[in-house]
């Protein structure tokens, strides 16, 4: 298996799980933590989009699609939201997620096999190579899908698996 195939596999697998675990939240549920310390679904989705966009920008060297205000709200090292924090509607977050996923997928497909160890175009405190960054954001998406599982339980939603 080639690196691109593996990265596309984990990226698409993580996205499929995210969609499955979060597709039935109402807007009200999407902004609720269900009485837990877990960030609400809207933050989780915004965070995933912001991190994927960040990786795209620093490795592709192109502008991203996530508004700066949303990256500030839910990006790396952002504070946890408080009740009433304004988030875009879930369908808008999914539009951003679809765009960031398409950008990441295109980046993977355009990268020659020997270049996944390339450093970012500008130094980054965490992401040191393209391959590491791509694997990390797929893992991050899977981690946050687990957080969404905790939200589902706290909100009394049906089990997925």
N, C-alpha and C. Protein backbone atom coordinates (compact mmCIF):
# COMPACT_ATOMS: atom_id res chain seq x y z
N UNK A 1 0.85 -1.18 0.00
CA UNK A 1 0.00 0.00 0.00
C UNK A 1 0.90 1.24 0.00
N UNK A 2 0.54 2.18 -0.80
CA UNK A 2 1.27 3.44 -0.90
C UNK A 2 0.78 4.40 0.19
N UNK A 3 1.62 5.38 0.50
CA UNK A 3 1.30 6.36 1.54
C UNK A 3 -0.01 7.07 1.25
N UNK A 4 -0.19 7.53 0.01
CA UNK A 4 -1.42 8.26 -0.32
C UNK A 4 -2.65 7.39 -0.10
N UNK A 5 -2.58 6.12 -0.48
CA UNK A 5 -3.72 5.22 -0.28
C UNK A 5 -4.05 5.09 1.20
N UNK A 6 -3.01 4.94 2.02
CA UNK A 6 -3.22 4.79 3.46
C UNK A 6 -3.83 6.06 4.06
N UNK A 7 -3.28 7.21 3.66
CA UNK A 7 -3.80 8.46 4.20
C UNK A 7 -5.23 8.74 3.73
N UNK A 8 -5.52 8.44 2.48
CA UNK A 8 -6.90 8.60 2.00
C UNK A 8 -7.83 7.65 2.76
N UNK A 9 -7.37 6.44 3.03
CA UNK A 9 -8.18 5.48 3.77
C UNK A 9 -8.54 5.97 5.16
N UNK A 10 -7.54 6.43 5.93
CA UNK A 10 -7.83 6.88 7.30
C UNK A 10 -8.63 8.18 7.28
N UNK A 11 -8.34 9.05 6.32
CA UNK A 11 -9.08 10.32 6.22
C UNK A 11 -10.55 10.07 5.90
N UNK A 12 -10.81 9.24 4.91
CA UNK A 12 -12.20 8.95 4.54
C UNK A 12 -12.92 8.15 5.61
N UNK A 13 -12.22 7.22 6.24
CA UNK A 13 -12.82 6.43 7.31
C UNK A 13 -13.23 7.33 8.48
N UNK A 14 -12.34 8.23 8.87
CA UNK A 14 -12.67 9.14 9.97
C UNK A 14 -13.87 10.00 9.61
N UNK A 15 -13.94 10.47 8.37
CA UNK A 15 -15.06 11.31 7.95
C UNK A 15 -16.37 10.52 7.95
N UNK A 16 -16.32 9.28 7.50
CA UNK A 16 -17.53 8.46 7.49
C UNK A 16 -18.06 8.25 8.90
N UNK A 17 -17.16 7.97 9.86
CA UNK A 17 -17.59 7.80 11.25
C UNK A 17 -18.16 9.10 11.80
N UNK A 18 -17.50 10.22 11.52
CA UNK A 18 -18.00 11.51 12.00
C UNK A 18 -19.41 11.78 11.49
N UNK A 19 -19.61 11.55 10.21
CA UNK A 19 -20.93 11.79 9.64
C UNK A 19 -21.99 10.88 10.27
N UNK A 20 -21.63 9.61 10.46
CA UNK A 20 -22.57 8.65 11.03
C UNK A 20 -22.97 9.05 12.46
N UNK A 21 -22.01 9.49 13.26
CA UNK A 21 -22.26 9.77 14.66
C UNK A 21 -22.87 11.15 14.91
N UNK A 22 -22.86 12.02 13.90
CA UNK A 22 -23.33 13.39 14.16
C UNK A 22 -24.48 13.84 13.27
N UNK A 23 -24.95 12.99 12.40
CA UNK A 23 -25.92 13.43 11.39
C UNK A 23 -27.33 13.67 11.93
N UNK A 24 -27.64 13.18 13.11
CA UNK A 24 -29.02 13.31 13.59
C UNK A 24 -29.19 14.31 14.74
N UNK A 25 -28.24 15.21 14.92
CA UNK A 25 -28.35 16.23 15.97
C UNK A 25 -29.22 17.38 15.47
N UNK A 26 -30.12 17.83 16.32
CA UNK A 26 -30.89 19.05 16.01
C UNK A 26 -29.98 20.25 16.28
N UNK A 27 -30.41 21.41 15.85
CA UNK A 27 -29.63 22.63 16.12
C UNK A 27 -29.49 22.86 17.62
N UNK A 28 -30.55 22.61 18.37
CA UNK A 28 -30.49 22.80 19.83
C UNK A 28 -29.50 21.81 20.45
N UNK A 29 -29.55 20.56 20.01
CA UNK A 29 -28.61 19.56 20.54
C UNK A 29 -27.17 19.89 20.15
N UNK A 30 -27.00 20.49 18.99
CA UNK A 30 -25.65 20.78 18.48
C UNK A 30 -24.92 21.82 19.32
N UNK A 31 -25.65 22.60 20.09
CA UNK A 31 -25.00 23.62 20.93
C UNK A 31 -25.05 23.26 22.41
N UNK A 32 -25.45 22.04 22.71
CA UNK A 32 -25.56 21.59 24.10
C UNK A 32 -24.44 20.61 24.44
N UNK A 33 -23.93 20.75 25.65
CA UNK A 33 -22.95 19.79 26.15
C UNK A 33 -23.61 18.68 26.96
N UNK A 34 -24.92 18.71 27.05
CA UNK A 34 -25.64 17.65 27.75
C UNK A 34 -25.26 17.50 29.21
N UNK A 35 -24.85 18.60 29.83
CA UNK A 35 -24.47 18.55 31.24
C UNK A 35 -23.10 17.96 31.48
N UNK A 36 -22.32 17.75 30.44
CA UNK A 36 -20.97 17.19 30.57
C UNK A 36 -19.93 18.29 30.35
N UNK A 37 -18.68 17.95 30.56
CA UNK A 37 -17.58 18.88 30.27
C UNK A 37 -17.15 18.81 28.81
N UNK A 38 -17.83 17.98 28.02
CA UNK A 38 -17.50 17.82 26.61
C UNK A 38 -18.00 19.02 25.82
N UNK A 39 -17.19 19.51 24.90
CA UNK A 39 -17.63 20.61 24.05
C UNK A 39 -18.78 20.14 23.16
N UNK A 40 -19.71 21.05 22.84
CA UNK A 40 -20.88 20.65 22.04
C UNK A 40 -20.50 20.26 20.61
N UNK A 41 -21.43 19.60 19.94
CA UNK A 41 -21.21 19.15 18.57
C UNK A 41 -20.77 20.29 17.66
N UNK A 42 -21.41 21.45 17.76
CA UNK A 42 -21.05 22.57 16.88
C UNK A 42 -19.58 22.92 17.03
N UNK A 43 -19.08 22.92 18.27
CA UNK A 43 -17.66 23.21 18.48
C UNK A 43 -16.81 22.09 17.88
N UNK A 44 -17.21 20.84 18.09
CA UNK A 44 -16.43 19.70 17.57
C UNK A 44 -16.30 19.81 16.05
N UNK A 45 -17.41 20.08 15.37
CA UNK A 45 -17.38 20.19 13.91
C UNK A 45 -16.54 21.38 13.46
N UNK A 46 -16.71 22.52 14.13
CA UNK A 46 -15.92 23.71 13.79
C UNK A 46 -14.44 23.46 14.02
N UNK A 47 -14.12 22.76 15.09
CA UNK A 47 -12.72 22.45 15.41
C UNK A 47 -12.09 21.57 14.33
N UNK A 48 -12.79 20.53 13.94
CA UNK A 48 -12.25 19.63 12.90
C UNK A 48 -12.02 20.41 11.62
N UNK A 49 -12.97 21.23 11.22
CA UNK A 49 -12.82 22.03 10.00
C UNK A 49 -11.63 22.99 10.13
N UNK A 50 -11.50 23.63 11.28
CA UNK A 50 -10.42 24.61 11.48
C UNK A 50 -9.05 23.95 11.42
N UNK A 51 -8.90 22.79 12.03
CA UNK A 51 -7.60 22.11 12.03
C UNK A 51 -7.27 21.60 10.63
N UNK A 52 -8.24 21.04 9.94
CA UNK A 52 -7.98 20.58 8.57
C UNK A 52 -7.61 21.76 7.68
N UNK A 53 -8.29 22.87 7.85
CA UNK A 53 -8.00 24.06 7.06
C UNK A 53 -6.58 24.57 7.35
N UNK A 54 -6.20 24.53 8.61
CA UNK A 54 -4.85 24.96 8.99
C UNK A 54 -3.79 24.11 8.30
N UNK A 55 -3.98 22.80 8.31
CA UNK A 55 -3.02 21.91 7.65
C UNK A 55 -2.98 22.20 6.15
N UNK A 56 -4.12 22.39 5.55
CA UNK A 56 -4.16 22.70 4.12
C UNK A 56 -3.38 23.99 3.83
N UNK A 57 -3.62 25.02 4.61
CA UNK A 57 -2.98 26.31 4.36
C UNK A 57 -1.46 26.22 4.53
N UNK A 58 -0.99 25.54 5.57
CA UNK A 58 0.46 25.55 5.81
C UNK A 58 1.22 24.60 4.90
N UNK A 59 0.54 23.61 4.34
CA UNK A 59 1.24 22.69 3.44
C UNK A 59 0.97 22.99 1.97
N UNK A 60 -0.24 23.39 1.62
CA UNK A 60 -0.53 23.73 0.23
C UNK A 60 -0.11 25.16 -0.09
N UNK A 61 0.00 25.99 0.96
CA UNK A 61 0.36 27.38 0.75
C UNK A 61 -0.74 28.18 0.07
N UNK A 62 -1.97 27.73 0.24
CA UNK A 62 -3.12 28.38 -0.37
C UNK A 62 -4.08 28.85 0.72
N UNK A 63 -4.95 29.80 0.39
CA UNK A 63 -5.93 30.25 1.39
C UNK A 63 -6.89 29.12 1.76
N UNK A 64 -7.35 29.17 2.99
CA UNK A 64 -8.32 28.19 3.44
C UNK A 64 -9.74 28.67 3.24
N UNK A 65 -10.68 27.91 3.74
CA UNK A 65 -12.10 28.22 3.58
C UNK A 65 -12.79 28.54 4.90
N UNK A 66 -12.16 28.22 6.02
CA UNK A 66 -12.78 28.46 7.33
C UNK A 66 -12.52 29.92 7.73
N UNK A 67 -13.58 30.67 8.03
CA UNK A 67 -13.39 32.07 8.43
C UNK A 67 -12.48 32.18 9.66
N UNK A 68 -11.68 33.24 9.69
CA UNK A 68 -10.75 33.46 10.80
C UNK A 68 -11.49 33.47 12.14
N UNK A 69 -12.67 34.04 12.17
CA UNK A 69 -13.43 34.11 13.42
C UNK A 69 -13.77 32.71 13.94
N UNK A 70 -14.06 31.78 13.03
CA UNK A 70 -14.38 30.41 13.44
C UNK A 70 -13.11 29.67 13.85
N UNK A 71 -11.98 29.95 13.19
CA UNK A 71 -10.70 29.34 13.61
C UNK A 71 -10.34 29.81 15.02
N UNK A 72 -10.61 31.09 15.31
CA UNK A 72 -10.34 31.62 16.66
C UNK A 72 -11.25 30.94 17.69
N UNK A 73 -12.50 30.74 17.32
CA UNK A 73 -13.48 30.16 18.23
C UNK A 73 -13.20 28.68 18.53
N UNK A 74 -12.71 27.93 17.52
CA UNK A 74 -12.63 26.48 17.70
C UNK A 74 -11.31 25.87 17.22
N UNK A 75 -10.34 26.66 16.87
CA UNK A 75 -9.07 26.12 16.40
C UNK A 75 -8.19 25.61 17.53
N UNK A 76 -6.95 25.29 17.18
CA UNK A 76 -5.99 24.84 18.19
C UNK A 76 -5.87 25.86 19.31
N UNK A 77 -5.85 25.37 20.53
CA UNK A 77 -5.66 26.19 21.74
C UNK A 77 -6.79 27.18 21.99
N UNK A 78 -7.94 26.98 21.38
CA UNK A 78 -9.07 27.86 21.65
C UNK A 78 -9.68 27.50 23.00
N UNK A 79 -10.31 28.48 23.61
CA UNK A 79 -10.98 28.24 24.89
C UNK A 79 -12.26 27.43 24.64
N UNK A 80 -12.67 26.70 25.67
CA UNK A 80 -13.93 25.97 25.56
C UNK A 80 -15.07 26.96 25.46
N UNK A 81 -16.07 26.65 24.66
CA UNK A 81 -17.21 27.56 24.53
C UNK A 81 -18.04 27.58 25.81
N UNK A 82 -18.72 28.66 26.00
CA UNK A 82 -19.65 28.79 27.13
C UNK A 82 -21.07 28.74 26.57
N UNK A 83 -22.05 28.45 27.41
CA UNK A 83 -23.43 28.45 26.91
C UNK A 83 -23.74 29.78 26.22
N UNK A 84 -24.36 29.68 25.07
CA UNK A 84 -24.70 30.86 24.30
C UNK A 84 -23.64 31.28 23.29
N UNK A 85 -22.51 30.57 23.26
CA UNK A 85 -21.50 30.88 22.25
C UNK A 85 -22.14 30.72 20.87
N UNK A 86 -22.03 31.73 20.03
CA UNK A 86 -22.67 31.63 18.71
C UNK A 86 -21.86 30.77 17.74
N UNK A 87 -22.51 29.77 17.19
CA UNK A 87 -21.91 28.91 16.18
C UNK A 87 -22.75 29.01 14.91
N UNK A 88 -22.12 28.79 13.76
CA UNK A 88 -22.92 28.70 12.53
C UNK A 88 -23.86 27.50 12.63
N UNK A 89 -24.94 27.50 11.86
CA UNK A 89 -25.82 26.33 11.82
C UNK A 89 -25.05 25.09 11.38
N UNK A 90 -25.53 23.94 11.81
CA UNK A 90 -24.85 22.68 11.51
C UNK A 90 -24.67 22.48 10.01
N UNK A 91 -25.66 22.82 9.21
CA UNK A 91 -25.51 22.63 7.76
C UNK A 91 -24.37 23.49 7.20
N UNK A 92 -24.13 24.67 7.75
CA UNK A 92 -23.01 25.50 7.32
C UNK A 92 -21.68 24.89 7.77
N UNK A 93 -21.66 24.31 8.96
CA UNK A 93 -20.44 23.64 9.42
C UNK A 93 -20.13 22.45 8.52
N UNK A 94 -21.16 21.71 8.11
CA UNK A 94 -20.93 20.58 7.19
C UNK A 94 -20.46 21.04 5.82
N UNK A 95 -20.92 22.20 5.38
CA UNK A 95 -20.42 22.73 4.11
C UNK A 95 -18.92 23.01 4.23
N UNK A 96 -18.51 23.61 5.34
CA UNK A 96 -17.08 23.84 5.57
C UNK A 96 -16.32 22.53 5.67
N UNK A 97 -16.88 21.57 6.39
CA UNK A 97 -16.22 20.26 6.52
C UNK A 97 -16.07 19.57 5.17
N UNK A 98 -17.09 19.66 4.34
CA UNK A 98 -16.99 19.07 3.00
C UNK A 98 -15.89 19.76 2.19
N UNK A 99 -15.78 21.08 2.33
CA UNK A 99 -14.74 21.81 1.60
C UNK A 99 -13.35 21.48 2.13
N UNK A 100 -13.20 21.43 3.45
CA UNK A 100 -11.86 21.11 3.99
C UNK A 100 -11.48 19.68 3.66
N UNK A 101 -12.45 18.77 3.68
CA UNK A 101 -12.16 17.38 3.33
C UNK A 101 -11.74 17.28 1.87
N UNK A 102 -12.43 18.00 1.00
CA UNK A 102 -12.06 17.99 -0.42
C UNK A 102 -10.67 18.56 -0.62
N UNK A 103 -10.33 19.62 0.10
CA UNK A 103 -8.99 20.20 -0.01
C UNK A 103 -7.92 19.23 0.47
N UNK A 104 -8.18 18.57 1.60
CA UNK A 104 -7.21 17.61 2.14
C UNK A 104 -7.07 16.42 1.20
N UNK A 105 -8.17 15.93 0.68
CA UNK A 105 -8.13 14.81 -0.25
C UNK A 105 -7.34 15.18 -1.50
N UNK A 106 -7.59 16.37 -2.04
CA UNK A 106 -6.85 16.83 -3.22
C UNK A 106 -5.36 16.98 -2.92
N UNK A 107 -5.04 17.46 -1.73
CA UNK A 107 -3.63 17.60 -1.33
C UNK A 107 -2.96 16.23 -1.29
N UNK A 108 -3.63 15.26 -0.70
CA UNK A 108 -3.07 13.90 -0.64
C UNK A 108 -2.85 13.36 -2.06
N UNK A 109 -3.87 13.48 -2.89
CA UNK A 109 -3.80 12.92 -4.24
C UNK A 109 -2.74 13.61 -5.11
N UNK A 110 -2.45 14.89 -4.83
CA UNK A 110 -1.47 15.63 -5.63
C UNK A 110 -0.03 15.45 -5.14
N UNK A 111 0.15 14.82 -3.99
CA UNK A 111 1.49 14.68 -3.41
C UNK A 111 2.18 13.44 -3.94
N UNK A 112 3.34 13.60 -4.57
CA UNK A 112 4.11 12.43 -5.00
C UNK A 112 4.53 11.58 -3.80
N UNK A 113 4.64 10.30 -4.01
CA UNK A 113 4.94 9.34 -2.92
C UNK A 113 6.11 9.77 -2.04
N UNK A 114 7.16 10.27 -2.60
CA UNK A 114 8.34 10.60 -1.82
C UNK A 114 8.29 11.93 -1.09
N UNK A 115 7.17 12.64 -1.17
CA UNK A 115 7.12 13.99 -0.61
C UNK A 115 6.24 14.13 0.64
N UNK A 116 5.78 13.03 1.20
CA UNK A 116 4.96 13.13 2.40
C UNK A 116 5.78 13.50 3.63
N UNK A 117 7.12 13.45 3.50
CA UNK A 117 7.95 13.89 4.62
C UNK A 117 8.36 15.36 4.48
N UNK A 118 7.75 16.08 3.53
CA UNK A 118 8.05 17.50 3.32
C UNK A 118 7.59 18.32 4.51
N UNK A 119 8.40 19.32 4.91
CA UNK A 119 8.00 20.20 6.02
C UNK A 119 6.96 21.21 5.55
N UNK A 120 6.28 21.87 6.48
CA UNK A 120 5.32 22.91 6.09
C UNK A 120 6.03 24.08 5.41
N UNK A 121 5.27 24.86 4.65
CA UNK A 121 5.85 26.01 3.95
C UNK A 121 6.29 27.10 4.92
N UNK A 122 5.69 27.12 6.10
CA UNK A 122 6.14 28.00 7.18
C UNK A 122 6.19 27.15 8.45
N UNK A 123 7.16 27.41 9.33
CA UNK A 123 7.31 26.57 10.52
C UNK A 123 6.02 26.50 11.34
N UNK A 124 5.80 25.34 11.91
CA UNK A 124 4.62 25.12 12.73
C UNK A 124 5.07 24.43 14.02
N UNK A 125 4.49 24.79 15.17
CA UNK A 125 4.94 24.19 16.43
C UNK A 125 4.63 22.70 16.58
N UNK A 126 3.68 22.19 15.82
CA UNK A 126 3.31 20.79 15.97
C UNK A 126 3.50 19.98 14.70
N UNK A 127 3.02 20.51 13.58
CA UNK A 127 3.08 19.76 12.33
C UNK A 127 4.45 19.90 11.69
N UNK A 128 5.19 18.80 11.61
CA UNK A 128 6.56 18.82 11.12
C UNK A 128 6.72 18.27 9.71
N UNK A 129 5.80 17.43 9.29
CA UNK A 129 5.83 16.91 7.92
C UNK A 129 4.39 16.74 7.44
N UNK A 130 4.24 16.73 6.12
CA UNK A 130 2.90 16.58 5.54
C UNK A 130 2.25 15.27 5.97
N UNK A 131 2.97 14.18 5.86
CA UNK A 131 2.40 12.89 6.24
C UNK A 131 1.97 12.85 7.69
N UNK A 132 2.81 13.39 8.58
CA UNK A 132 2.48 13.43 10.01
C UNK A 132 1.24 14.29 10.24
N UNK A 133 1.16 15.42 9.56
CA UNK A 133 0.02 16.32 9.74
C UNK A 133 -1.28 15.67 9.24
N UNK A 134 -1.20 15.02 8.08
CA UNK A 134 -2.40 14.37 7.52
C UNK A 134 -2.88 13.23 8.40
N UNK A 135 -1.96 12.43 8.91
CA UNK A 135 -2.35 11.34 9.80
C UNK A 135 -2.93 11.91 11.10
N UNK A 136 -2.32 12.97 11.60
CA UNK A 136 -2.78 13.56 12.86
C UNK A 136 -4.18 14.13 12.73
N UNK A 137 -4.49 14.80 11.62
CA UNK A 137 -5.84 15.37 11.52
C UNK A 137 -6.90 14.29 11.34
N UNK A 138 -6.54 13.16 10.72
CA UNK A 138 -7.49 12.04 10.65
C UNK A 138 -7.71 11.46 12.05
N UNK A 139 -6.62 11.34 12.82
CA UNK A 139 -6.74 10.85 14.20
C UNK A 139 -7.53 11.83 15.05
N UNK A 140 -7.31 13.13 14.84
CA UNK A 140 -8.03 14.16 15.58
C UNK A 140 -9.54 14.06 15.30
N UNK A 141 -9.87 13.83 14.03
CA UNK A 141 -11.29 13.69 13.66
C UNK A 141 -11.90 12.46 14.35
N UNK A 142 -11.16 11.37 14.40
CA UNK A 142 -11.64 10.16 15.07
C UNK A 142 -11.80 10.41 16.58
N UNK A 143 -10.85 11.11 17.17
CA UNK A 143 -10.93 11.45 18.60
C UNK A 143 -12.21 12.25 18.89
N UNK A 144 -12.46 13.26 18.07
CA UNK A 144 -13.64 14.10 18.30
C UNK A 144 -14.94 13.36 18.00
N UNK A 145 -14.89 12.37 17.14
CA UNK A 145 -16.07 11.51 16.94
C UNK A 145 -16.37 10.77 18.24
N UNK A 146 -15.33 10.35 18.94
CA UNK A 146 -15.52 9.74 20.26
C UNK A 146 -16.15 10.71 21.25
N UNK A 147 -15.73 11.97 21.20
CA UNK A 147 -16.34 13.00 22.05
C UNK A 147 -17.83 13.14 21.72
N UNK A 148 -18.14 13.05 20.44
CA UNK A 148 -19.53 13.14 20.01
C UNK A 148 -20.32 11.93 20.54
N UNK A 149 -19.67 10.79 20.63
CA UNK A 149 -20.30 9.62 21.24
C UNK A 149 -20.70 9.89 22.68
N UNK A 150 -19.82 10.57 23.43
CA UNK A 150 -20.15 10.94 24.81
C UNK A 150 -21.32 11.92 24.84
N UNK A 151 -21.34 12.85 23.90
CA UNK A 151 -22.47 13.78 23.83
C UNK A 151 -23.77 13.04 23.53
N UNK A 152 -23.70 12.10 22.60
CA UNK A 152 -24.90 11.32 22.26
C UNK A 152 -25.48 10.66 23.51
N UNK A 153 -24.61 10.07 24.30
CA UNK A 153 -25.06 9.38 25.51
C UNK A 153 -25.68 10.38 26.49
N UNK A 154 -25.00 11.51 26.70
CA UNK A 154 -25.49 12.52 27.63
C UNK A 154 -26.82 13.12 27.19
N UNK A 155 -27.02 13.22 25.88
CA UNK A 155 -28.26 13.78 25.35
C UNK A 155 -29.36 12.74 25.15
N UNK A 156 -29.06 11.48 25.49
CA UNK A 156 -30.07 10.42 25.38
C UNK A 156 -30.35 9.99 23.95
N UNK A 157 -29.39 10.21 23.06
CA UNK A 157 -29.59 9.81 21.66
C UNK A 157 -29.33 8.32 21.50
N UNK A 158 -29.88 7.76 20.43
CA UNK A 158 -29.73 6.31 20.20
C UNK A 158 -28.27 5.96 19.92
N UNK A 159 -27.94 4.71 20.24
CA UNK A 159 -26.59 4.20 19.94
C UNK A 159 -26.44 4.04 18.45
N UNK A 160 -25.20 4.21 17.97
CA UNK A 160 -24.89 4.05 16.56
C UNK A 160 -24.44 2.62 16.28
N UNK A 161 -23.55 2.12 17.07
CA UNK A 161 -23.07 0.74 16.91
C UNK A 161 -23.10 0.03 18.24
